[in-house]
Amino acid sequence: MNGRELPALLMYDTDWTQVVGAAGLLTLLIVVVTVVAWQIGAGRRARMLLDRELWYRKLAEDGLAVQQSTERQLAELTERLAAVQARMDSIERILEQVE
């Protein structure tokens, strides 16, 4: 080995150090980007689940309101039907008395 080969060998080692350093930084960058993307996705999924839960809650509340309205209407119709039945019974009694 002469004097000229030694600096070339040292430069070769330095190049590998830079390559390893660049590969490490690239790996770190990929990991950071992956983790950030994963967290953004997790946040979006959580928001979608929350929105879906709120939608189901509103749907249930609307269904309950419709059911209560239907029950009130049914009670009113039952009262009206009872009144009509009472009138009908009264008319039948009057007709029986007339005969």
C-alpha atoms as a PDB file:
ATOM      1  CA  MET A   1       0.000   0.000   0.000  1.00  0.00           C
ATOM      2  CA  ASN A   2       1.401   3.319  -0.945  1.00  0.00           C
ATOM      3  CA  GLY A   3       0.445   6.807   0.231  1.00  0.00           C
ATOM      4  CA  ARG A   4      -2.059   7.301  -2.534  1.00  0.00           C
ATOM      5  CA  GLU A   5      -4.230   4.313  -1.651  1.00  0.00           C
ATOM      6  CA  LEU A   6      -4.711   5.269   2.005  1.00  0.00           C
ATOM      7  CA  PRO A   7      -6.699   8.481   1.415  1.00  0.00           C
ATOM      8  CA  ALA A   8      -8.878   6.616  -1.101  1.00  0.00           C
ATOM      9  CA  LEU A   9      -9.570   3.937   1.505  1.00  0.00           C
ATOM     10  CA  LEU A  10     -10.473   6.561   4.139  1.00  0.00           C
ATOM     11  CA  MET A  11     -12.766   8.301   1.655  1.00  0.00           C
ATOM     12  CA  TYR A  12     -14.422   4.967   0.931  1.00  0.00           C
ATOM     13  CA  ASP A  13     -15.136   4.531   4.654  1.00  0.00           C
ATOM     14  CA  THR A  14     -16.529   8.040   4.868  1.00  0.00           C
ATOM     15  CA  ASP A  15     -18.854   7.343   1.953  1.00  0.00           C
ATOM     16  CA  TRP A  16     -20.272   4.294   3.754  1.00  0.00           C
ATOM     17  CA  THR A  17     -20.788   6.351   6.877  1.00  0.00           C
ATOM     18  CA  GLN A  18     -22.739   8.882   4.886  1.00  0.00           C
ATOM     19  CA  VAL A  19     -24.744   6.137   3.200  1.00  0.00           C
ATOM     20  CA  VAL A  20     -25.582   4.531   6.548  1.00  0.00           C
ATOM     21  CA  GLY A  21     -26.487   7.934   7.991  1.00  0.00           C
ATOM     22  CA  ALA A  22     -28.682   8.761   4.993  1.00  0.00           C
ATOM     23  CA  ALA A  23     -30.374   5.343   5.215  1.00  0.00           C
ATOM     24  CA  GLY A  24     -31.006   5.905   8.924  1.00  0.00           C
ATOM     25  CA  LEU A  25     -32.497   9.332   8.294  1.00  0.00           C
ATOM     26  CA  LEU A  26     -34.618   7.939   5.480  1.00  0.00           C
ATOM     27  CA  THR A  27     -35.849   5.150   7.759  1.00  0.00           C
ATOM     28  CA  LEU A  28     -36.635   7.670  10.494  1.00  0.00           C
ATOM     29  CA  LEU A  29     -38.506   9.863   8.024  1.00  0.00           C
ATOM     30  CA  ILE A  30     -40.523   6.909   6.753  1.00  0.00           C
ATOM     31  CA  VAL A  31     -41.407   5.862  10.314  1.00  0.00           C
ATOM     32  CA  VAL A  32     -42.451   9.404  11.274  1.00  0.00           C
ATOM     33  CA  VAL A  33     -44.584   9.827   8.141  1.00  0.00           C
ATOM     34  CA  THR A  34     -46.190   6.407   8.696  1.00  0.00           C
ATOM     35  CA  VAL A  35     -47.010   7.165  12.342  1.00  0.00           C
ATOM     36  CA  VAL A  36     -48.437  10.583  11.461  1.00  0.00           C
ATOM     37  CA  ALA A  37     -50.563   9.091   8.659  1.00  0.00           C
ATOM     38  CA  TRP A  38     -51.746   6.318  11.003  1.00  0.00           C
ATOM     39  CA  GLN A  39     -52.750   8.846  13.670  1.00  0.00           C
ATOM     40  CA  ILE A  40     -54.593  11.002  11.147  1.00  0.00           C
ATOM     41  CA  GLY A  41     -56.473   7.922   9.966  1.00  0.00           C
ATOM     42  CA  ALA A  42     -57.296   6.927  13.536  1.00  0.00           C
ATOM     43  CA  GLY A  43     -58.622  10.425  14.217  1.00  0.00           C
ATOM     44  CA  ARG A  44     -60.810  10.322  11.142  1.00  0.00           C
ATOM     45  CA  ARG A  45     -62.156   6.888  12.075  1.00  0.00           C
ATOM     46  CA  ALA A  46     -62.954   8.139  15.575  1.00  0.00           C
ATOM     47  CA  ARG A  47     -64.801  11.163  14.173  1.00  0.00           C
ATOM     48  CA  MET A  48     -66.745   8.940  11.779  1.00  0.00           C
ATOM     49  CA  LEU A  49     -67.743   6.628  14.647  1.00  0.00           C
ATOM     50  CA  LEU A  50     -68.849   9.607  16.719  1.00  0.00           C
ATOM     51  CA  ASP A  51     -70.862  11.019  13.817  1.00  0.00           C
ATOM     52  CA  ARG A  52     -72.494   7.623  13.283  1.00  0.00           C
ATOM     53  CA  GLU A  53     -73.365   7.346  16.982  1.00  0.00           C
ATOM     54  CA  LEU A  54     -74.899  10.830  16.935  1.00  0.00           C
ATOM     55  CA  TRP A  55     -76.878   9.932  13.807  1.00  0.00           C
ATOM     56  CA  TYR A  56     -78.208   6.749  15.438  1.00  0.00           C
ATOM     57  CA  ARG A  57     -79.120   8.703  18.568  1.00  0.00           C
ATOM     58  CA  LYS A  58     -81.038  11.276  16.500  1.00  0.00           C
ATOM     59  CA  LEU A  59     -82.733   8.475  14.586  1.00  0.00           C
ATOM     60  CA  ALA A  60     -83.801   6.830  17.858  1.00  0.00           C
ATOM     61  CA  GLU A  61     -85.078  10.132  19.250  1.00  0.00           C
ATOM     62  CA  ASP A  62     -87.049  10.801  16.061  1.00  0.00           C
ATOM     63  CA  GLY A  63     -88.487   7.289  16.196  1.00  0.00           C
ATOM     64  CA  LEU A  64     -89.503   7.791  19.814  1.00  0.00           C
ATOM     65  CA  ALA A  65     -91.193  11.108  18.979  1.00  0.00           C
ATOM     66  CA  VAL A  66     -93.129   9.489  16.139  1.00  0.00           C
ATOM     67  CA  GLN A  67     -94.147   6.597  18.397  1.00  0.00           C
ATOM     68  CA  GLN A  68     -95.384   8.971  21.101  1.00  0.00           C
ATOM     69  CA  SER A  69     -97.340  10.967  18.522  1.00  0.00           C
ATOM     70  CA  THR A  70     -98.888   7.748  17.215  1.00  0.00           C
ATOM     71  CA  GLU A  71     -99.850   6.717  20.757  1.00  0.00           C
ATOM     72  CA  ARG A  72    -101.549  10.093  21.352  1.00  0.00           C
ATOM     73  CA  GLN A  73    -103.465   9.796  18.087  1.00  0.00           C
ATOM     74  CA  LEU A  74    -104.488   6.236  18.954  1.00  0.00           C
ATOM     75  CA  ALA A  75    -105.748   7.338  22.371  1.00  0.00           C
ATOM     76  CA  GLU A  76    -107.755  10.142  20.748  1.00  0.00           C
ATOM     77  CA  LEU A  77    -109.236   7.765  18.182  1.00  0.00           C
ATOM     78  CA  THR A  78    -110.095   5.274  20.929  1.00  0.00           C
ATOM     79  CA  GLU A  79    -111.973   7.995  22.802  1.00  0.00           C
ATOM     80  CA  ARG A  80    -113.813   9.026  19.632  1.00  0.00           C
ATOM     81  CA  LEU A  81    -114.699   5.426  18.861  1.00  0.00           C
ATOM     82  CA  ALA A  82    -116.015   4.957  22.399  1.00  0.00           C
ATOM     83  CA  ALA A  83    -118.160   8.073  21.968  1.00  0.00           C
ATOM     84  CA  VAL A  84    -119.495   6.804  18.631  1.00  0.00           C
ATOM     85  CA  GLN A  85    -120.211   3.405  20.195  1.00  0.00           C
ATOM     86  CA  ALA A  86    -122.092   5.074  23.044  1.00  0.00           C
ATOM     87  CA  ARG A  87    -124.185   7.065  20.583  1.00  0.00           C
ATOM     88  CA  MET A  88    -124.860   3.937  18.558  1.00  0.00           C
ATOM     89  CA  ASP A  89    -125.990   2.080  21.691  1.00  0.00           C
ATOM     90  CA  SER A  90    -128.253   5.009  22.551  1.00  0.00           C
ATOM     91  CA  ILE A  91    -129.763   5.021  19.056  1.00  0.00           C
ATOM     92  CA  GLU A  92    -130.335   1.241  19.227  1.00  0.00           C
ATOM     93  CA  ARG A  93    -132.149   1.595  22.572  1.00  0.00           C
ATOM     94  CA  ILE A  94    -134.324   4.381  21.192  1.00  0.00           C
ATOM     95  CA  LEU A  95    -135.156   2.298  18.111  1.00  0.00           C
ATOM     96  CA  GLU A  96    -136.035  -0.700  20.299  1.00  0.00           C
ATOM     97  CA  GLN A  97    -138.327   1.462  22.392  1.00  0.00           C
ATOM     98  CA  VAL A  98    -139.994   2.861  19.293  1.00  0.00           C
ATOM     99  CA  GLU A  99    -140.751  -0.613  17.897  1.00  0.00           C
END
